[in-house]
Structures are given as C-alpha cells and as structure tokens.
C-alpha atoms as a PDB file:
ATOM      1  CA  MET A   1    -161.141-154.001  54.013  1.00  0.00           C
ATOM      2  CA  GLY A   2    -162.301-151.441  51.463  1.00  0.00           C
ATOM      3  CA  ASN A   3    -162.179-151.883  47.726  1.00  0.00           C
ATOM      4  CA  SER A   4    -159.141-150.477  45.941  1.00  0.00           C
ATOM      5  CA  ILE A   5    -160.223-148.056  43.233  1.00  0.00           C
ATOM      6  CA  VAL A   6    -158.114-146.015  40.857  1.00  0.00           C
ATOM      7  CA  ARG A   7    -159.191-142.793  39.216  1.00  0.00           C
ATOM      8  CA  ASN A   8    -156.518-140.178  38.765  1.00  0.00           C
ATOM      9  CA  TYR A   9    -157.252-136.494  38.926  1.00  0.00           C
ATOM     10  CA  ARG A  10    -154.788-133.677  38.232  1.00  0.00           C
ATOM     11  CA  LEU A  11    -155.284-130.005  39.095  1.00  0.00           C
ATOM     12  CA  PRO A  12    -152.727-127.449  37.841  1.00  0.00           C
ATOM     13  CA  ILE A  13    -151.866-124.739  40.371  1.00  0.00           C
ATOM     14  CA  ARG A  14    -149.647-121.690  39.995  1.00  0.00           C
ATOM     15  CA  ILE A  15    -147.809-120.614  43.135  1.00  0.00           C
ATOM     16  CA  TYR A  16    -148.726-117.048  44.042  1.00  0.00           C
ATOM     17  CA  TYR A  17    -146.818-114.685  46.310  1.00  0.00           C
ATOM     18  CA  GLU A  18    -149.529-115.126  48.960  1.00  0.00           C
ATOM     19  CA  ASP A  19    -148.733-118.869  49.076  1.00  0.00           C
ATOM     20  CA  THR A  20    -145.130-118.291  50.126  1.00  0.00           C
ATOM     21  CA  ASP A  21    -143.318-117.515  53.351  1.00  0.00           C
ATOM     22  CA  ALA A  22    -140.574-114.958  53.983  1.00  0.00           C
ATOM     23  CA  GLY A  23    -138.072-117.255  52.252  1.00  0.00           C
ATOM     24  CA  GLY A  24    -140.072-117.293  49.018  1.00  0.00           C
ATOM     25  CA  VAL A  25    -141.079-120.940  49.264  1.00  0.00           C
ATOM     26  CA  VAL A  26    -144.581-122.323  49.713  1.00  0.00           C
ATOM     27  CA  TYR A  27    -145.572-122.202  53.370  1.00  0.00           C
ATOM     28  CA  TYR A  28    -145.938-125.840  54.464  1.00  0.00           C
ATOM     29  CA  ALA A  29    -149.610-125.598  55.495  1.00  0.00           C
ATOM     30  CA  ASN A  30    -150.615-124.282  52.072  1.00  0.00           C
ATOM     31  CA  TYR A  31    -149.860-127.665  50.533  1.00  0.00           C
ATOM     32  CA  LEU A  32    -152.854-128.964  52.512  1.00  0.00           C
ATOM     33  CA  LYS A  33    -155.008-126.368  50.730  1.00  0.00           C
ATOM     34  CA  PHE A  34    -153.687-127.513  47.347  1.00  0.00           C
ATOM     35  CA  LEU A  35    -154.517-131.130  48.237  1.00  0.00           C
ATOM     36  CA  GLU A  36    -158.005-130.083  49.370  1.00  0.00           C
ATOM     37  CA  ARG A  37    -158.643-128.277  46.097  1.00  0.00           C
ATOM     38  CA  ALA A  38    -157.742-131.396  44.114  1.00  0.00           C
ATOM     39  CA  ARG A  39    -160.080-133.570  46.236  1.00  0.00           C
ATOM     40  CA  THR A  40    -162.927-131.066  45.779  1.00  0.00           C
ATOM     41  CA  GLU A  41    -162.429-130.950  42.011  1.00  0.00           C
ATOM     42  CA  TRP A  42    -162.058-134.744  41.935  1.00  0.00           C
ATOM     43  CA  LEU A  43    -165.507-135.128  43.565  1.00  0.00           C
ATOM     44  CA  ARG A  44    -166.863-132.495  41.192  1.00  0.00           C
ATOM     45  CA  SER A  45    -165.563-134.582  38.253  1.00  0.00           C
ATOM     46  CA  PHE A  46    -168.018-137.281  39.379  1.00  0.00           C
ATOM     47  CA  GLY A  47    -170.818-134.686  39.377  1.00  0.00           C
ATOM     48  CA  PHE A  48    -170.939-134.171  43.150  1.00  0.00           C
ATOM     49  CA  GLU A  49    -170.785-130.752  44.783  1.00  0.00           C
ATOM     50  CA  GLN A  50    -170.063-130.685  48.497  1.00  0.00           C
ATOM     51  CA  ASP A  51    -172.649-128.003  49.243  1.00  0.00           C
ATOM     52  CA  GLN A  52    -175.314-130.074  47.467  1.00  0.00           C
ATOM     53  CA  LEU A  53    -174.299-133.210  49.394  1.00  0.00           C
ATOM     54  CA  ARG A  54    -174.810-131.230  52.595  1.00  0.00           C
ATOM     55  CA  GLU A  55    -178.188-129.846  51.534  1.00  0.00           C
ATOM     56  CA  GLN A  56    -179.600-132.965  49.853  1.00  0.00           C
ATOM     57  CA  ASP A  57    -178.000-135.766  51.882  1.00  0.00           C
ATOM     58  CA  GLY A  58    -177.198-134.096  55.187  1.00  0.00           C
ATOM     59  CA  ILE A  59    -173.547-135.123  55.007  1.00  0.00           C
ATOM     60  CA  LEU A  60    -170.176-133.495  54.931  1.00  0.00           C
ATOM     61  CA  PHE A  61    -166.661-134.804  54.555  1.00  0.00           C
ATOM     62  CA  ALA A  62    -164.071-134.066  57.230  1.00  0.00           C
ATOM     63  CA  VAL A  63    -160.392-134.869  57.294  1.00  0.00           C
ATOM     64  CA  ARG A  64    -159.700-137.426  60.015  1.00  0.00           C
ATOM     65  CA  SER A  65    -155.952-137.664  59.503  1.00  0.00           C
ATOM     66  CA  VAL A  66    -153.154-136.659  57.163  1.00  0.00           C
ATOM     67  CA  ASN A  67    -149.805-138.338  56.692  1.00  0.00           C
ATOM     68  CA  ILE A  68    -147.675-135.990  54.604  1.00  0.00           C
ATOM     69  CA  ASN A  69    -144.123-136.120  53.340  1.00  0.00           C
ATOM     70  CA  TYR A  70    -142.532-132.899  52.107  1.00  0.00           C
ATOM     71  CA  VAL A  71    -140.016-133.850  49.412  1.00  0.00           C
ATOM     72  CA  GLN A  72    -138.903-130.489  48.012  1.00  0.00           C
ATOM     73  CA  ALA A  73    -140.038-126.880  48.120  1.00  0.00           C
ATOM     74  CA  ALA A  74    -142.085-125.150  45.468  1.00  0.00           C
ATOM     75  CA  ARG A  75    -141.427-121.448  44.965  1.00  0.00           C
ATOM     76  CA  PHE A  76    -143.227-118.308  43.878  1.00  0.00           C
ATOM     77  CA  ASN A  77    -144.517-118.392  40.291  1.00  0.00           C
ATOM     78  CA  GLN A  78    -143.740-122.068  39.734  1.00  0.00           C
ATOM     79  CA  GLN A  79    -146.481-124.332  38.506  1.00  0.00           C
ATOM     80  CA  VAL A  80    -147.352-127.559  40.283  1.00  0.00           C
ATOM     81  CA  ILE A  81    -149.985-130.228  39.810  1.00  0.00           C
ATOM     82  CA  SER A  82    -152.056-131.380  42.778  1.00  0.00           C
ATOM     83  CA  CYS A  83    -153.090-134.992  42.182  1.00  0.00           C
ATOM     84  CA  VAL A  84    -155.489-137.611  43.436  1.00  0.00           C
ATOM     85  CA  ASP A  85    -153.493-140.723  42.619  1.00  0.00           C
ATOM     86  CA  ASP A  86    -155.492-143.529  44.191  1.00  0.00           C
ATOM     87  CA  PHE A  87    -158.085-144.139  46.874  1.00  0.00           C
ATOM     88  CA  SER A  88    -159.692-146.886  48.869  1.00  0.00           C
ATOM     89  CA  LEU A  89    -163.312-146.791  49.847  1.00  0.00           C
ATOM     90  CA  LYS A  90    -165.206-147.960  52.894  1.00  0.00           C
ATOM     91  CA  ARG A  91    -168.873-147.322  53.668  1.00  0.00           C
ATOM     92  CA  ALA A  92    -168.240-144.137  55.676  1.00  0.00           C
ATOM     93  CA  SER A  93    -164.691-143.142  54.725  1.00  0.00           C
ATOM     94  CA  ILE A  94    -162.239-142.643  51.896  1.00  0.00           C
ATOM     95  CA  ALA A  95    -158.456-142.965  52.145  1.00  0.00           C
ATOM     96  CA  VAL A  96    -156.990-140.794  49.398  1.00  0.00           C
ATOM     97  CA  GLN A  97    -153.425-141.100  48.124  1.00  0.00           C
ATOM     98  CA  GLN A  98    -152.342-137.702  46.859  1.00  0.00           C
ATOM     99  CA  SER A  99    -149.270-135.974  45.537  1.00  0.00           C
ATOM    100  CA  ILE A 100    -148.096-132.612  44.361  1.00  0.00           C
ATOM    101  CA  VAL A 101    -145.568-132.625  41.544  1.00  0.00           C
ATOM    102  CA  MET A 102    -143.748-129.965  39.562  1.00  0.00           C
ATOM    103  CA  GLN A 103    -145.500-129.260  36.274  1.00  0.00           C
ATOM    104  CA  ASP A 104    -142.220-129.132  34.358  1.00  0.00           C
ATOM    105  CA  GLY A 105    -140.864-132.644  34.710  1.00  0.00           C
ATOM    106  CA  GLY A 106    -143.051-134.114  37.416  1.00  0.00           C
ATOM    107  CA  ALA A 107    -140.500-134.009  40.260  1.00  0.00           C
ATOM    108  CA  SER A 108    -142.206-134.855  43.536  1.00  0.00           C
ATOM    109  CA  VAL A 109    -142.985-131.990  45.929  1.00  0.00           C
ATOM    110  CA  VAL A 110    -145.394-133.622  48.409  1.00  0.00           C
ATOM    111  CA  ASN A 111    -146.804-137.109  48.990  1.00  0.00           C
ATOM    112  CA  ALA A 112    -149.767-137.574  51.313  1.00  0.00           C
ATOM    113  CA  GLU A 113    -152.428-139.971  52.487  1.00  0.00           C
ATOM    114  CA  VAL A 114    -155.562-138.139  53.561  1.00  0.00           C
ATOM    115  CA  ASN A 115    -158.238-140.064  55.456  1.00  0.00           C
ATOM    116  CA  ILE A 116    -161.675-138.529  55.078  1.00  0.00           C
ATOM    117  CA  VAL A 117    -164.763-139.505  57.022  1.00  0.00           C
ATOM    118  CA  CYS A 118    -168.351-138.937  55.951  1.00  0.00           C
ATOM    119  CA  LEU A 119    -170.295-137.242  58.761  1.00  0.00           C
ATOM    120  CA  ASP A 120    -173.913-136.452  59.493  1.00  0.00           C
ATOM    121  CA  CYS A 121    -173.857-132.655  59.258  1.00  0.00           C
ATOM    122  CA  ASP A 122    -176.108-132.184  62.311  1.00  0.00           C
ATOM    123  CA  LYS A 123    -174.700-134.815  64.675  1.00  0.00           C
ATOM    124  CA  PHE A 124    -171.076-134.815  63.431  1.00  0.00           C
ATOM    125  CA  SER A 125    -171.126-138.592  63.743  1.00  0.00           C
ATOM    126  CA  PRO A 126    -170.057-141.057  61.017  1.00  0.00           C
ATOM    127  CA  LYS A 127    -172.665-141.689  58.354  1.00  0.00           C
ATOM    128  CA  PRO A 128    -172.486-143.919  55.263  1.00  0.00           C
ATOM    129  CA  ILE A 129    -171.448-142.250  52.024  1.00  0.00           C
ATOM    130  CA  PRO A 130    -174.617-141.602  49.982  1.00  0.00           C
ATOM    131  CA  GLU A 131    -175.383-144.628  47.827  1.00  0.00           C
ATOM    132  CA  ARG A 132    -175.251-142.787  44.496  1.00  0.00           C
ATOM    133  CA  LEU A 133    -171.762-141.388  45.269  1.00  0.00           C
ATOM    134  CA  TYR A 134    -170.576-144.720  46.644  1.00  0.00           C
ATOM    135  CA  ARG A 135    -171.736-146.510  43.451  1.00  0.00           C
ATOM    136  CA  GLU A 136    -170.060-143.893  41.240  1.00  0.00           C
ATOM    137  CA  LEU A 137    -166.773-144.326  43.060  1.00  0.00           C
ATOM    138  CA  LEU A 138    -167.034-148.115  42.853  1.00  0.00           C
ATOM    139  CA  ALA A 139    -167.609-147.839  39.108  1.00  0.00           C
ATOM    140  CA  CYS A 140    -164.090-146.445  38.687  1.00  0.00           C
ATOM    141  CA  LYS A 141    -162.616-149.924  38.897  1.00  0.00           C
END
C-alpha cells in the first residue's frame, strides 16, 4: 500500500469558446485537459518539469486509468478551478484525486481519480519514480 500524502494545488481556468460544444457547455473530454494542466502545474510547483524528467531521468508519466464523475456543466466564459486534492504514492505510480469546481462558490463540476504510471521513455515499461521526486512528494506529509 502506498503512503497517503496531501498537498493541494489549485489552477484557475477560464472557459473559452473553443472549450465548448454546440450547446455552449464544456465538451466532456476537455475536462481531462483541465485535469492534466493542474497535474502538470502541481509537479512544476515541486520544481519538476516533465520535459526535464524525460531528458535527465529517461522517464515519462502516462495515464493508466481515469475514473471521472461529471457533476454539472461549465459554460462559456465561466471560471473554474482545476484541483489536485490528494494523492497516494507507490514506487512507480501515483493515484491522484482531482476535482474541478466553480470559482464562484466552489460548486462541484467534476470529480476524478487519475492513475498515473512512471514509464521508461524508451521501453515504455514501468520504472520507479526518480528518487529526488519521490522524496519531495513524501515530504508533503
């Protein structure tokens, strides 16, 4: 069982016309992009850039699975917050609890668990998370 670690991250996002479908609501797949942006910025907040992890450590992170619950629609020009709420860490994977909430009042839009695996960038096989990143994540306790 991995260690349970909490470090919240919040990324404000404005909904643009390009994010919406013909009905004027956010196209369902775009929420995955908003979640991805928050995870990228969350890693960046620890001082880790994904391109540098690939170049220096020969690893990349890939989504293994997503369990997502769409609670309500966000619409053009609204502002939402894409959040990393919690995560659990194993040697070669991270399970990230995420949400998207309305900026004005915090009403839930999306809840998701995203399971990410660390891969060797050449072999595309599981590889342990680099020690310095693993230690930094553990330090969030």
